[in-house]
Amino acid sequence: MMEENKSIFATFKLLHDKYALANDTASLQEEFNREGEKILKIIREWENKLCSQSEKGGYGVYTGGLSEKFQMLIRKSFPMIDYVGIIVRKSESFTLRKINIKV
């Protein structure tokens, strides 16, 4: 998977590392989401290939575990992959109103 898509994964790895080390991830979130969506599409495609072959072979019981192991291997290389797709909204400052209790 990574051999066939070297340039895409290399670009994402640089962005991923920059995102992981950033203090303010909100500034990188949009670019991280855009590039991460491409990576997730490739990962889903390869996961489907892997799991569909095991289901066809009569090993459907093991497909869930195989899928989970595949995802764990992805997270080893890209620990922040689960942050792809996060929407950051800038909100106004939050204030609490003071409640006056008369006794």
PDB file of N, CA and C in Angstrom:
ATOM      1  N   MET A   1       0.835  -1.185   0.000  1.00  0.00           N
ATOM      2  CA  MET A   1       0.000   0.000   0.000  1.00  0.00           C
ATOM      3  C   MET A   1       0.881   1.251   0.000  1.00  0.00           C
ATOM      4  N   MET A   2       1.834   1.282   0.911  1.00  0.00           N
ATOM      5  CA  MET A   2       2.682   2.469   1.015  1.00  0.00           C
ATOM      6  C   MET A   2       3.702   2.518  -0.122  1.00  0.00           C
ATOM      7  N   GLU A   3       4.089   1.372  -0.637  1.00  0.00           N
ATOM      8  CA  GLU A   3       5.023   1.335  -1.757  1.00  0.00           C
ATOM      9  C   GLU A   3       4.390   1.890  -3.030  1.00  0.00           C
ATOM     10  N   GLU A   4       3.129   1.575  -3.260  1.00  0.00           N
ATOM     11  CA  GLU A   4       2.437   2.036  -4.462  1.00  0.00           C
ATOM     12  C   GLU A   4       2.076   3.512  -4.407  1.00  0.00           C
ATOM     13  N   ASN A   5       2.022   4.076  -3.217  1.00  0.00           N
ATOM     14  CA  ASN A   5       1.618   5.482  -3.039  1.00  0.00           C
ATOM     15  C   ASN A   5       2.676   6.250  -2.250  1.00  0.00           C
ATOM     16  N   LYS A   6       3.931   6.061  -2.604  1.00  0.00           N
ATOM     17  CA  LYS A   6       5.043   6.660  -1.851  1.00  0.00           C
ATOM     18  C   LYS A   6       4.943   8.167  -1.722  1.00  0.00           C
ATOM     19  N   SER A   7       4.681   8.845  -2.814  1.00  0.00           N
ATOM     20  CA  SER A   7       4.685  10.314  -2.772  1.00  0.00           C
ATOM     21  C   SER A   7       3.565  10.860  -1.899  1.00  0.00           C
ATOM     22  N   ILE A   8       2.388  10.262  -1.979  1.00  0.00           N
ATOM     23  CA  ILE A   8       1.260  10.731  -1.165  1.00  0.00           C
ATOM     24  C   ILE A   8       1.540  10.493   0.313  1.00  0.00           C
ATOM     25  N   PHE A   9       2.049   9.302   0.641  1.00  0.00           N
ATOM     26  CA  PHE A   9       2.340   8.986   2.036  1.00  0.00           C
ATOM     27  C   PHE A   9       3.516   9.812   2.567  1.00  0.00           C
ATOM     28  N   ALA A  10       4.503  10.106   1.740  1.00  0.00           N
ATOM     29  CA  ALA A  10       5.633  10.930   2.173  1.00  0.00           C
ATOM     30  C   ALA A  10       5.176  12.353   2.487  1.00  0.00           C
ATOM     31  N   THR A  11       4.324  12.902   1.632  1.00  0.00           N
ATOM     32  CA  THR A  11       3.779  14.238   1.867  1.00  0.00           C
ATOM     33  C   THR A  11       2.961  14.271   3.149  1.00  0.00           C
ATOM     34  N   PHE A  12       2.124  13.250   3.328  1.00  0.00           N
ATOM     35  CA  PHE A  12       1.286  13.204   4.527  1.00  0.00           C
ATOM     36  C   PHE A  12       2.129  12.991   5.776  1.00  0.00           C
ATOM     37  N   LYS A  13       3.186  12.208   5.686  1.00  0.00           N
ATOM     38  CA  LYS A  13       4.044  11.962   6.852  1.00  0.00           C
ATOM     39  C   LYS A  13       4.659  13.265   7.356  1.00  0.00           C
ATOM     40  N   LEU A  14       5.121  14.107   6.436  1.00  0.00           N
ATOM     41  CA  LEU A  14       5.678  15.402   6.835  1.00  0.00           C
ATOM     42  C   LEU A  14       4.624  16.274   7.516  1.00  0.00           C
ATOM     43  N   LEU A  15       3.445  16.322   6.919  1.00  0.00           N
ATOM     44  CA  LEU A  15       2.353  17.108   7.492  1.00  0.00           C
ATOM     45  C   LEU A  15       1.915  16.515   8.837  1.00  0.00           C
ATOM     46  N   HIS A  16       1.841  15.199   8.903  1.00  0.00           N
ATOM     47  CA  HIS A  16       1.434  14.509  10.131  1.00  0.00           C
ATOM     48  C   HIS A  16       2.393  14.831  11.280  1.00  0.00           C
ATOM     49  N   ASP A  17       3.684  14.765  11.001  1.00  0.00           N
ATOM     50  CA  ASP A  17       4.673  15.058  12.036  1.00  0.00           C
ATOM     51  C   ASP A  17       4.608  16.520  12.475  1.00  0.00           C
ATOM     52  N   LYS A  18       4.402  17.398  11.525  1.00  0.00           N
ATOM     53  CA  LYS A  18       4.256  18.822  11.835  1.00  0.00           C
ATOM     54  C   LYS A  18       3.016  19.057  12.697  1.00  0.00           C
ATOM     55  N   TYR A  19       1.930  18.372  12.364  1.00  0.00           N
ATOM     56  CA  TYR A  19       0.672  18.473  13.114  1.00  0.00           C
ATOM     57  C   TYR A  19       0.840  17.918  14.532  1.00  0.00           C
ATOM     58  N   ALA A  20       1.536  16.799  14.652  1.00  0.00           N
ATOM     59  CA  ALA A  20       1.718  16.168  15.958  1.00  0.00           C
ATOM     60  C   ALA A  20       2.556  17.033  16.896  1.00  0.00           C
ATOM     61  N   LEU A  21       3.509  17.795  16.348  1.00  0.00           N
ATOM     62  CA  LEU A  21       4.388  18.617  17.168  1.00  0.00           C
ATOM     63  C   LEU A  21       3.882  20.034  17.383  1.00  0.00           C
ATOM     64  N   ALA A  22       2.827  20.421  16.671  1.00  0.00           N
ATOM     65  CA  ALA A  22       2.338  21.801  16.735  1.00  0.00           C
ATOM     66  C   ALA A  22       1.634  22.080  18.059  1.00  0.00           C
ATOM     67  N   ASN A  23       1.851  23.280  18.562  1.00  0.00           N
ATOM     68  CA  ASN A  23       1.134  23.724  19.753  1.00  0.00           C
ATOM     69  C   ASN A  23      -0.283  24.146  19.402  1.00  0.00           C
ATOM     70  N   ASP A  24      -0.425  24.767  18.244  1.00  0.00           N
ATOM     71  CA  ASP A  24      -1.731  25.226  17.776  1.00  0.00           C
ATOM     72  C   ASP A  24      -2.120  24.385  16.557  1.00  0.00           C
ATOM     73  N   THR A  25      -2.826  23.284  16.795  1.00  0.00           N
ATOM     74  CA  THR A  25      -3.197  22.391  15.699  1.00  0.00           C
ATOM     75  C   THR A  25      -4.331  22.964  14.853  1.00  0.00           C
ATOM     76  N   ALA A  26      -5.047  23.952  15.373  1.00  0.00           N
ATOM     77  CA  ALA A  26      -6.170  24.529  14.634  1.00  0.00           C
ATOM     78  C   ALA A  26      -5.712  25.169  13.329  1.00  0.00           C
ATOM     79  N   SER A  27      -4.512  25.720  13.324  1.00  0.00           N
ATOM     80  CA  SER A  27      -4.021  26.373  12.115  1.00  0.00           C
ATOM     81  C   SER A  27      -3.691  25.361  11.012  1.00  0.00           C
ATOM     82  N   LEU A  28      -3.352  24.139  11.387  1.00  0.00           N
ATOM     83  CA  LEU A  28      -3.014  23.099  10.409  1.00  0.00           C
ATOM     84  C   LEU A  28      -4.170  22.151  10.109  1.00  0.00           C
ATOM     85  N   GLN A  29      -5.261  22.283  10.849  1.00  0.00           N
ATOM     86  CA  GLN A  29      -6.341  21.304  10.766  1.00  0.00           C
ATOM     87  C   GLN A  29      -6.946  21.175   9.374  1.00  0.00           C
ATOM     88  N   GLU A  30      -7.168  22.274   8.697  1.00  0.00           N
ATOM     89  CA  GLU A  30      -7.797  22.227   7.374  1.00  0.00           C
ATOM     90  C   GLU A  30      -6.926  21.463   6.369  1.00  0.00           C
ATOM     91  N   GLU A  31      -5.641  21.777   6.346  1.00  0.00           N
ATOM     92  CA  GLU A  31      -4.724  21.084   5.438  1.00  0.00           C
ATOM     93  C   GLU A  31      -4.576  19.612   5.843  1.00  0.00           C
ATOM     94  N   PHE A  32      -4.527  19.350   7.140  1.00  0.00           N
ATOM     95  CA  PHE A  32      -4.424  17.983   7.658  1.00  0.00           C
ATOM     96  C   PHE A  32      -5.652  17.163   7.252  1.00  0.00           C
ATOM     97  N   ASN A  33      -6.826  17.771   7.322  1.00  0.00           N
ATOM     98  CA  ASN A  33      -8.056  17.085   6.907  1.00  0.00           C
ATOM     99  C   ASN A  33      -8.050  16.789   5.408  1.00  0.00           C
ATOM    100  N   ARG A  34      -7.634  17.759   4.616  1.00  0.00           N
ATOM    101  CA  ARG A  34      -7.629  17.599   3.156  1.00  0.00           C
ATOM    102  C   ARG A  34      -6.684  16.477   2.729  1.00  0.00           C
ATOM    103  N   GLU A  35      -5.460  16.517   3.230  1.00  0.00           N
ATOM    104  CA  GLU A  35      -4.479  15.493   2.871  1.00  0.00           C
ATOM    105  C   GLU A  35      -4.819  14.150   3.520  1.00  0.00           C
ATOM    106  N   GLY A  36      -5.333  14.205   4.729  1.00  0.00           N
ATOM    107  CA  GLY A  36      -5.691  12.988   5.451  1.00  0.00           C
ATOM    108  C   GLY A  36      -6.834  12.232   4.795  1.00  0.00           C
ATOM    109  N   GLU A  37      -7.736  12.949   4.156  1.00  0.00           N
ATOM    110  CA  GLU A  37      -8.854  12.293   3.465  1.00  0.00           C
ATOM    111  C   GLU A  37      -8.339  11.421   2.320  1.00  0.00           C
ATOM    112  N   LYS A  38      -7.319  11.892   1.625  1.00  0.00           N
ATOM    113  CA  LYS A  38      -6.715  11.088   0.555  1.00  0.00           C
ATOM    114  C   LYS A  38      -6.115   9.801   1.125  1.00  0.00           C
ATOM    115  N   ILE A  39      -5.428   9.941   2.246  1.00  0.00           N
ATOM    116  CA  ILE A  39      -4.796   8.787   2.890  1.00  0.00           C
ATOM    117  C   ILE A  39      -5.849   7.811   3.387  1.00  0.00           C
ATOM    118  N   LEU A  40      -6.908   8.317   4.006  1.00  0.00           N
ATOM    119  CA  LEU A  40      -7.969   7.439   4.505  1.00  0.00           C
ATOM    120  C   LEU A  40      -8.647   6.682   3.376  1.00  0.00           C
ATOM    121  N   LYS A  41      -8.796   7.313   2.231  1.00  0.00           N
ATOM    122  CA  LYS A  41      -9.390   6.639   1.078  1.00  0.00           C
ATOM    123  C   LYS A  41      -8.522   5.456   0.643  1.00  0.00           C
ATOM    124  N   ILE A  42      -7.213   5.665   0.596  1.00  0.00           N
ATOM    125  CA  ILE A  42      -6.286   4.600   0.225  1.00  0.00           C
ATOM    126  C   ILE A  42      -6.312   3.483   1.268  1.00  0.00           C
ATOM    127  N   ILE A  43      -6.317   3.856   2.543  1.00  0.00           N
ATOM    128  CA  ILE A  43      -6.336   2.864   3.625  1.00  0.00           C
ATOM    129  C   ILE A  43      -7.608   2.031   3.559  1.00  0.00           C
ATOM    130  N   ARG A  44      -8.760   2.664   3.364  1.00  0.00           N
ATOM    131  CA  ARG A  44     -10.029   1.922   3.270  1.00  0.00           C
ATOM    132  C   ARG A  44     -10.020   0.959   2.092  1.00  0.00           C
ATOM    133  N   GLU A  45      -9.490   1.426   0.967  1.00  0.00           N
ATOM    134  CA  GLU A  45      -9.420   0.589  -0.226  1.00  0.00           C
ATOM    135  C   GLU A  45      -8.597  -0.672   0.043  1.00  0.00           C
ATOM    136  N   TRP A  46      -7.436  -0.525   0.663  1.00  0.00           N
ATOM    137  CA  TRP A  46      -6.575  -1.663   0.934  1.00  0.00           C
ATOM    138  C   TRP A  46      -7.148  -2.548   2.033  1.00  0.00           C
ATOM    139  N   GLU A  47      -7.805  -1.962   2.997  1.00  0.00           N
ATOM    140  CA  GLU A  47      -8.445  -2.752   4.053  1.00  0.00           C
ATOM    141  C   GLU A  47      -9.574  -3.594   3.467  1.00  0.00           C
ATOM    142  N   ASN A  48     -10.341  -3.008   2.559  1.00  0.00           N
ATOM    143  CA  ASN A  48     -11.411  -3.762   1.902  1.00  0.00           C
ATOM    144  C   ASN A  48     -10.851  -4.906   1.077  1.00  0.00           C
ATOM    145  N   LYS A  49      -9.744  -4.681   0.379  1.00  0.00           N
ATOM    146  CA  LYS A  49      -9.115  -5.749  -0.392  1.00  0.00           C
ATOM    147  C   LYS A  49      -8.682  -6.886   0.529  1.00  0.00           C
ATOM    148  N   LEU A  50      -8.053  -6.531   1.625  1.00  0.00           N
ATOM    149  CA  LEU A  50      -7.550  -7.517   2.564  1.00  0.00           C
ATOM    150  C   LEU A  50      -8.679  -8.323   3.199  1.00  0.00           C
ATOM    151  N   CYS A  51      -9.691  -7.635   3.679  1.00  0.00           N
ATOM    152  CA  CYS A  51     -10.768  -8.311   4.401  1.00  0.00           C
ATOM    153  C   CYS A  51     -11.713  -9.067   3.470  1.00  0.00           C
ATOM    154  N   SER A  52     -11.932  -8.555   2.269  1.00  0.00           N
ATOM    155  CA  SER A  52     -12.839  -9.263   1.366  1.00  0.00           C
ATOM    156  C   SER A  52     -12.230 -10.581   0.919  1.00  0.00           C
ATOM    157  N   GLN A  53     -10.917 -10.631   0.781  1.00  0.00           N
ATOM    158  CA  GLN A  53     -10.266 -11.876   0.394  1.00  0.00           C
ATOM    159  C   GLN A  53     -10.373 -12.916   1.505  1.00  0.00           C
ATOM    160  N   SER A  54     -10.270 -12.491   2.744  1.00  0.00           N
ATOM    161  CA  SER A  54     -10.375 -13.460   3.841  1.00  0.00           C
ATOM    162  C   SER A  54     -11.815 -13.950   4.001  1.00  0.00           C
ATOM    163  N   GLU A  55     -12.794 -13.074   3.720  1.00  0.00           N
ATOM    164  CA  GLU A  55     -14.187 -13.497   3.791  1.00  0.00           C
ATOM    165  C   GLU A  55     -14.515 -14.504   2.695  1.00  0.00           C
ATOM    166  N   LYS A  56     -13.965 -14.277   1.503  1.00  0.00           N
ATOM    167  CA  LYS A  56     -14.187 -15.204   0.397  1.00  0.00           C
ATOM    168  C   LYS A  56     -13.570 -16.568   0.678  1.00  0.00           C
ATOM    169  N   GLY A  57     -12.482 -16.576   1.419  1.00  0.00           N
ATOM    170  CA  GLY A  57     -11.774 -17.814   1.709  1.00  0.00           C
ATOM    171  C   GLY A  57     -12.398 -18.615   2.832  1.00  0.00           C
ATOM    172  N   GLY A  58     -13.506 -18.149   3.389  1.00  0.00           N
ATOM    173  CA  GLY A  58     -14.171 -18.877   4.465  1.00  0.00           C
ATOM    174  C   GLY A  58     -13.679 -18.520   5.851  1.00  0.00           C
ATOM    175  N   TYR A  59     -12.946 -17.430   5.971  1.00  0.00           N
ATOM    176  CA  TYR A  59     -12.426 -17.013   7.267  1.00  0.00           C
ATOM    177  C   TYR A  59     -13.117 -15.746   7.754  1.00  0.00           C
ATOM    178  N   GLY A  60     -14.412 -15.650   7.522  1.00  0.00           N
ATOM    179  CA  GLY A  60     -15.175 -14.465   7.901  1.00  0.00           C
ATOM    180  C   GLY A  60     -15.147 -14.175   9.382  1.00  0.00           C
ATOM    181  N   VAL A  61     -14.963 -15.210  10.200  1.00  0.00           N
ATOM    182  CA  VAL A  61     -14.918 -15.037  11.650  1.00  0.00           C
ATOM    183  C   VAL A  61     -13.708 -14.191  12.055  1.00  0.00           C
ATOM    184  N   TYR A  62     -12.635 -14.294  11.306  1.00  0.00           N
ATOM    185  CA  TYR A  62     -11.397 -13.614  11.657  1.00  0.00           C
ATOM    186  C   TYR A  62     -11.258 -12.231  11.019  1.00  0.00           C
ATOM    187  N   THR A  63     -12.200 -11.853  10.198  1.00  0.00           N
ATOM    188  CA  THR A  63     -12.100 -10.594   9.461  1.00  0.00           C
ATOM    189  C   THR A  63     -12.048  -9.382  10.385  1.00  0.00           C
ATOM    190  N   GLY A  64     -12.850  -9.372  11.442  1.00  0.00           N
ATOM    191  CA  GLY A  64     -12.851  -8.243  12.385  1.00  0.00           C
ATOM    192  C   GLY A  64     -11.497  -8.056  13.047  1.00  0.00           C
ATOM    193  N   GLY A  65     -10.897  -9.155  13.473  1.00  0.00           N
ATOM    194  CA  GLY A  65      -9.581  -9.087  14.101  1.00  0.00           C
ATOM    195  C   GLY A  65      -8.511  -8.649  13.120  1.00  0.00           C
ATOM    196  N   LEU A  66      -8.626  -9.128  11.891  1.00  0.00           N
ATOM    197  CA  LEU A  66      -7.679  -8.758  10.852  1.00  0.00           C
ATOM    198  C   LEU A  66      -7.764  -7.263  10.552  1.00  0.00           C
ATOM    199  N   SER A  67      -8.972  -6.765  10.466  1.00  0.00           N
ATOM    200  CA  SER A  67      -9.198  -5.342  10.219  1.00  0.00           C
ATOM    201  C   SER A  67      -8.621  -4.504  11.365  1.00  0.00           C
ATOM    202  N   GLU A  68      -8.852  -4.943  12.583  1.00  0.00           N
ATOM    203  CA  GLU A  68      -8.335  -4.216  13.745  1.00  0.00           C
ATOM    204  C   GLU A  68      -6.805  -4.210  13.757  1.00  0.00           C
ATOM    205  N   LYS A  69      -6.206  -5.317  13.416  1.00  0.00           N
ATOM    206  CA  LYS A  69      -4.745  -5.392  13.374  1.00  0.00           C
ATOM    207  C   LYS A  69      -4.181  -4.482  12.283  1.00  0.00           C
ATOM    208  N   PHE A  70      -4.861  -4.439  11.146  1.00  0.00           N
ATOM    209  CA  PHE A  70      -4.456  -3.551  10.054  1.00  0.00           C
ATOM    210  C   PHE A  70      -4.496  -2.094  10.518  1.00  0.00           C
ATOM    211  N   GLN A  71      -5.572  -1.705  11.211  1.00  0.00           N
ATOM    212  CA  GLN A  71      -5.704  -0.333  11.714  1.00  0.00           C
ATOM    213  C   GLN A  71      -4.629  -0.019  12.751  1.00  0.00           C
ATOM    214  N   MET A  72      -4.272  -0.987  13.583  1.00  0.00           N
ATOM    215  CA  MET A  72      -3.224  -0.766  14.579  1.00  0.00           C
ATOM    216  C   MET A  72      -1.867  -0.534  13.907  1.00  0.00           C
ATOM    217  N   LEU A  73      -1.611  -1.236  12.808  1.00  0.00           N
ATOM    218  CA  LEU A  73      -0.365  -1.021  12.073  1.00  0.00           C
ATOM    219  C   LEU A  73      -0.326   0.374  11.447  1.00  0.00           C
ATOM    220  N   ILE A  74      -1.473   0.842  10.976  1.00  0.00           N
ATOM    221  CA  ILE A  74      -1.557   2.202  10.428  1.00  0.00           C
ATOM    222  C   ILE A  74      -1.282   3.213  11.537  1.00  0.00           C
ATOM    223  N   ARG A  75      -1.886   3.000  12.715  1.00  0.00           N
ATOM    224  CA  ARG A  75      -1.709   3.934  13.824  1.00  0.00           C
ATOM    225  C   ARG A  75      -0.278   3.932  14.358  1.00  0.00           C
ATOM    226  N   LYS A  76       0.453   2.850  14.139  1.00  0.00           N
ATOM    227  CA  LYS A  76       1.860   2.818  14.535  1.00  0.00           C
ATOM    228  C   LYS A  76       2.661   3.832  13.726  1.00  0.00           C
ATOM    229  N   SER A  77       2.379   3.911  12.423  1.00  0.00           N
ATOM    230  CA  SER A  77       3.075   4.855  11.561  1.00  0.00           C
ATOM    231  C   SER A  77       2.511   6.265  11.669  1.00  0.00           C
ATOM    232  N   PHE A  78       1.191   6.355  11.844  1.00  0.00           N
ATOM    233  CA  PHE A  78       0.504   7.652  11.893  1.00  0.00           C
ATOM    234  C   PHE A  78      -0.400   7.717  13.128  1.00  0.00           C
ATOM    235  N   PRO A  79       0.161   8.000  14.307  1.00  0.00           N
ATOM    236  CA  PRO A  79      -0.652   8.004  15.530  1.00  0.00           C
ATOM    237  C   PRO A  79      -1.780   9.044  15.544  1.00  0.00           C
ATOM    238  N   MET A  80      -1.660  10.098  14.751  1.00  0.00           N
ATOM    239  CA  MET A  80      -2.677  11.158  14.745  1.00  0.00           C
ATOM    240  C   MET A  80      -3.710  10.963  13.637  1.00  0.00           C
ATOM    241  N   ILE A  81      -3.748   9.801  13.009  1.00  0.00           N
ATOM    242  CA  ILE A  81      -4.652   9.562  11.875  1.00  0.00           C
ATOM    243  C   ILE A  81      -6.123   9.704  12.293  1.00  0.00           C
ATOM    244  N   ASP A  82      -6.424   9.442  13.560  1.00  0.00           N
ATOM    245  CA  ASP A  82      -7.802   9.565  14.031  1.00  0.00           C
ATOM    246  C   ASP A  82      -8.272  11.011  14.128  1.00  0.00           C
ATOM    247  N   TYR A  83      -7.358  11.964  14.015  1.00  0.00           N
ATOM    248  CA  TYR A  83      -7.717  13.373  14.073  1.00  0.00           C
ATOM    249  C   TYR A  83      -8.075  13.954  12.702  1.00  0.00           C
ATOM    250  N   VAL A  84      -8.029  13.129  11.683  1.00  0.00           N
ATOM    251  CA  VAL A  84      -8.433  13.576  10.346  1.00  0.00           C
ATOM    252  C   VAL A  84      -9.942  13.753  10.345  1.00  0.00           C
ATOM    253  N   GLY A  85     -10.399  14.894   9.897  1.00  0.00           N
ATOM    254  CA  GLY A  85     -11.831  15.158   9.813  1.00  0.00           C
ATOM    255  C   GLY A  85     -12.381  15.990  10.957  1.00  0.00           C
ATOM    256  N   ILE A  86     -11.562  16.342  11.904  1.00  0.00           N
ATOM    257  CA  ILE A  86     -12.022  17.163  13.019  1.00  0.00           C
ATOM    258  C   ILE A  86     -12.305  18.570  12.511  1.00  0.00           C
ATOM    259  N   ILE A  87     -13.422  19.112  12.922  1.00  0.00           N
ATOM    260  CA  ILE A  87     -13.809  20.465  12.529  1.00  0.00           C
ATOM    261  C   ILE A  87     -13.548  21.393  13.710  1.00  0.00           C
ATOM    262  N   VAL A  88     -12.758  22.414  13.467  1.00  0.00           N
ATOM    263  CA  VAL A  88     -12.418  23.369  14.514  1.00  0.00           C
ATOM    264  C   VAL A  88     -13.240  24.626  14.295  1.00  0.00           C
ATOM    265  N   ARG A  89     -14.011  24.972  15.289  1.00  0.00           N
ATOM    266  CA  ARG A  89     -14.818  26.194  15.226  1.00  0.00           C
ATOM    267  C   ARG A  89     -14.290  27.182  16.247  1.00  0.00           C
ATOM    268  N   LYS A  90     -14.128  28.385  15.807  1.00  0.00           N
ATOM    269  CA  LYS A  90     -13.699  29.430  16.725  1.00  0.00           C
ATOM    270  C   LYS A  90     -14.951  30.084  17.284  1.00  0.00           C
ATOM    271  N   SER A  91     -15.067  30.031  18.583  1.00  0.00           N
ATOM    272  CA  SER A  91     -16.244  30.608  19.205  1.00  0.00           C
ATOM    273  C   SER A  91     -15.862  31.859  19.988  1.00  0.00           C
ATOM    274  N   GLU A  92     -16.858  32.619  20.288  1.00  0.00           N
ATOM    275  CA  GLU A  92     -16.638  33.808  21.093  1.00  0.00           C
ATOM    276  C   GLU A  92     -16.330  33.371  22.514  1.00  0.00           C
ATOM    277  N   SER A  93     -15.791  34.276  23.276  1.00  0.00           N
ATOM    278  CA  SER A  93     -15.417  33.923  24.646  1.00  0.00           C
ATOM    279  C   SER A  93     -16.653  33.508  25.441  1.00  0.00           C
ATOM    280  N   PHE A  94     -16.467  32.518  26.248  1.00  0.00           N
ATOM    281  CA  PHE A  94     -17.544  31.961  27.050  1.00  0.00           C
ATOM    282  C   PHE A  94     -17.595  32.683  28.388  1.00  0.00           C
ATOM    283  N   THR A  95     -18.777  33.161  28.764  1.00  0.00           N
ATOM    284  CA  THR A  95     -18.921  33.823  30.056  1.00  0.00           C
ATOM    285  C   THR A  95     -20.149  33.272  30.765  1.00  0.00           C
ATOM    286  N   LEU A  96     -20.074  33.254  32.053  1.00  0.00           N
ATOM    287  CA  LEU A  96     -21.211  32.852  32.871  1.00  0.00           C
ATOM    288  C   LEU A  96     -21.826  34.100  33.477  1.00  0.00           C
ATOM    289  N   ARG A  97     -23.134  34.108  33.468  1.00  0.00           N
ATOM    290  CA  ARG A  97     -23.814  35.239  34.081  1.00  0.00           C
ATOM    291  C   ARG A  97     -23.886  35.023  35.585  1.00  0.00           C
ATOM    292  N   LYS A  98     -23.749  36.100  36.285  1.00  0.00           N
ATOM    293  CA  LYS A  98     -23.812  36.035  37.729  1.00  0.00           C
ATOM    294  C   LYS A  98     -25.271  35.964  38.171  1.00  0.00           C
ATOM    295  N   ILE A  99     -25.529  35.069  39.068  1.00  0.00           N
ATOM    296  CA  ILE A  99     -26.889  34.922  39.598  1.00  0.00           C
ATOM    297  C   ILE A  99     -26.933  35.596  40.957  1.00  0.00           C
ATOM    298  N   ASN A 100     -27.884  36.506  41.118  1.00  0.00           N
ATOM    299  CA  ASN A 100     -28.063  37.181  42.406  1.00  0.00           C
ATOM    300  C   ASN A 100     -29.197  36.505  43.165  1.00  0.00           C
ATOM    301  N   ILE A 101     -28.859  36.011  44.294  1.00  0.00           N
ATOM    302  CA  ILE A 101     -29.870  35.343  45.156  1.00  0.00           C
ATOM    303  C   ILE A 101     -30.173  36.275  46.315  1.00  0.00           C
ATOM    304  N   LYS A 102     -31.439  36.603  46.442  1.00  0.00           N
ATOM    305  CA  LYS A 102     -31.866  37.482  47.546  1.00  0.00           C
ATOM    306  C   LYS A 102     -32.337  36.611  48.697  1.00  0.00           C
ATOM    307  N   VAL A 103     -31.834  36.913  49.834  1.00  0.00           N
ATOM    308  CA  VAL A 103     -32.189  36.137  51.013  1.00  0.00           C
ATOM    309  C   VAL A 103     -33.086  36.951  51.913  1.00  0.00           C
TER     310      VAL A 103
END
